[in-house]
């Protein structure tokens, strides 16, 4: 699977939030929750997953076979609850 993002936006995310989008690719290597959140007539998704004991949310869309990241942030409390409940229900499977 391929990943892409806007380099300028990635720099801003790193400067503002300390989040490197290169690291967010790792969410696809472990359990995660995906929630559809269409915007502006485009199919968009939230991927919620854990890296280094922190829960993150990445907003993305599919462009062909490529996952295009729009943004990333620490998960909101409600997203973290949804993630933990899903992982518990799935027994550390791959919820989404």
Protein backbone atom coordinates (compact mmCIF):
# COMPACT_ATOMS: atom_id res chain seq x y z
CA UNK A 1 0.00 0.00 0.00
CA UNK A 2 1.27 3.46 -0.87
CA UNK A 3 0.91 6.63 1.19
CA UNK A 4 1.14 10.29 0.19
CA UNK A 5 0.60 13.76 1.62
CA UNK A 6 1.32 17.38 0.88
CA UNK A 7 4.87 18.18 2.04
CA UNK A 8 4.03 21.72 3.13
CA UNK A 9 1.03 20.54 5.15
CA UNK A 10 3.20 17.83 6.73
CA UNK A 11 5.71 20.47 7.84
CA UNK A 12 2.92 22.53 9.43
CA UNK A 13 1.55 19.48 11.25
CA UNK A 14 5.01 18.72 12.60
CA UNK A 15 5.62 22.32 13.67
CA UNK A 16 2.20 22.72 15.30
CA UNK A 17 1.67 19.24 16.78
CA UNK A 18 5.03 17.49 16.76
CA UNK A 19 3.56 14.72 14.59
CA UNK A 20 5.55 13.30 11.68
CA UNK A 21 3.28 11.89 8.97
CA UNK A 22 5.96 9.32 8.15
CA UNK A 23 5.32 7.84 11.61
CA UNK A 24 1.56 7.78 11.05
CA UNK A 25 2.02 5.20 8.29
CA UNK A 26 2.75 2.76 11.13
CA UNK A 27 -0.92 2.90 12.17
CA UNK A 28 -1.55 0.57 9.23
CA UNK A 29 0.73 -2.05 10.81
CA UNK A 30 -1.38 -2.57 13.92
CA UNK A 31 -4.92 -2.50 15.22
CA UNK A 32 -6.91 0.55 14.15
CA UNK A 33 -10.45 1.79 13.82
CA UNK A 34 -11.61 3.41 10.59
CA UNK A 35 -14.65 5.68 10.57
CA UNK A 36 -16.06 7.22 7.40
CA UNK A 37 -16.30 11.03 7.59
CA UNK A 38 -17.08 12.31 4.09
CA UNK A 39 -16.37 15.98 3.44
CA UNK A 40 -16.84 18.24 0.42
CA UNK A 41 -18.33 15.38 -1.61
CA UNK A 42 -15.22 13.24 -1.11
CA UNK A 43 -15.04 9.94 0.78
CA UNK A 44 -12.83 10.60 3.79
CA UNK A 45 -11.91 8.43 6.71
CA UNK A 46 -10.52 8.68 10.22
CA UNK A 47 -7.98 6.03 11.14
CA UNK A 48 -7.51 5.78 14.90
CA UNK A 49 -4.61 3.76 16.22
CA UNK A 50 -1.85 3.56 18.79
CA UNK A 51 1.84 4.38 18.49
CA UNK A 52 4.23 4.42 21.43
CA UNK A 53 1.39 4.33 24.00
CA UNK A 54 -0.43 7.30 22.44
CA UNK A 55 -3.61 7.24 20.39
CA UNK A 56 -3.60 9.20 17.13
CA UNK A 57 -6.16 10.05 14.47
CA UNK A 58 -5.28 10.43 10.79
CA UNK A 59 -7.79 11.90 8.33
CA UNK A 60 -7.33 10.37 4.88
CA UNK A 61 -8.91 9.43 1.57
CA UNK A 62 -8.17 6.80 -1.04
CA UNK A 63 -6.83 8.00 -4.37
CA UNK A 64 -6.65 4.89 -6.48
CA UNK A 65 -4.48 2.46 -4.50
CA UNK A 66 -2.84 5.26 -2.53
CA UNK A 67 -3.81 6.50 0.92
CA UNK A 68 -3.67 10.29 0.92
CA UNK A 69 -3.26 11.89 4.37
CA UNK A 70 -4.91 15.25 5.02
CA UNK A 71 -3.95 15.68 8.66
CA UNK A 72 -3.00 13.89 11.87
CA UNK A 73 -3.49 14.72 15.54
CA UNK A 74 -3.74 13.18 18.97
CA UNK A 75 -7.08 11.41 19.22
CA UNK A 76 -9.97 13.11 20.95
CA UNK A 77 -11.29 11.39 24.10
CA UNK A 78 -14.28 9.97 22.20
CA UNK A 79 -12.00 8.56 19.48
CA UNK A 80 -9.68 7.02 22.04
CA UNK A 81 -12.67 5.34 23.75
CA UNK A 82 -13.92 4.00 20.39
CA UNK A 83 -10.48 2.63 19.61
CA UNK A 84 -9.99 0.95 23.00
CA UNK A 85 -13.50 -0.54 22.97
CA UNK A 86 -13.02 -1.90 19.46
CA UNK A 87 -9.61 -3.41 20.19
CA UNK A 88 -10.96 -5.01 23.38
CA UNK A 89 -13.95 -6.44 21.46
CA UNK A 90 -11.71 -7.75 18.71
CA UNK A 91 -9.20 -9.26 21.10
CA UNK A 92 -6.29 -7.27 19.68
CA UNK A 93 -7.43 -8.05 16.15
CA UNK A 94 -7.53 -5.46 13.39
CA UNK A 95 -10.76 -3.53 13.87
CA UNK A 96 -12.10 -1.30 11.10
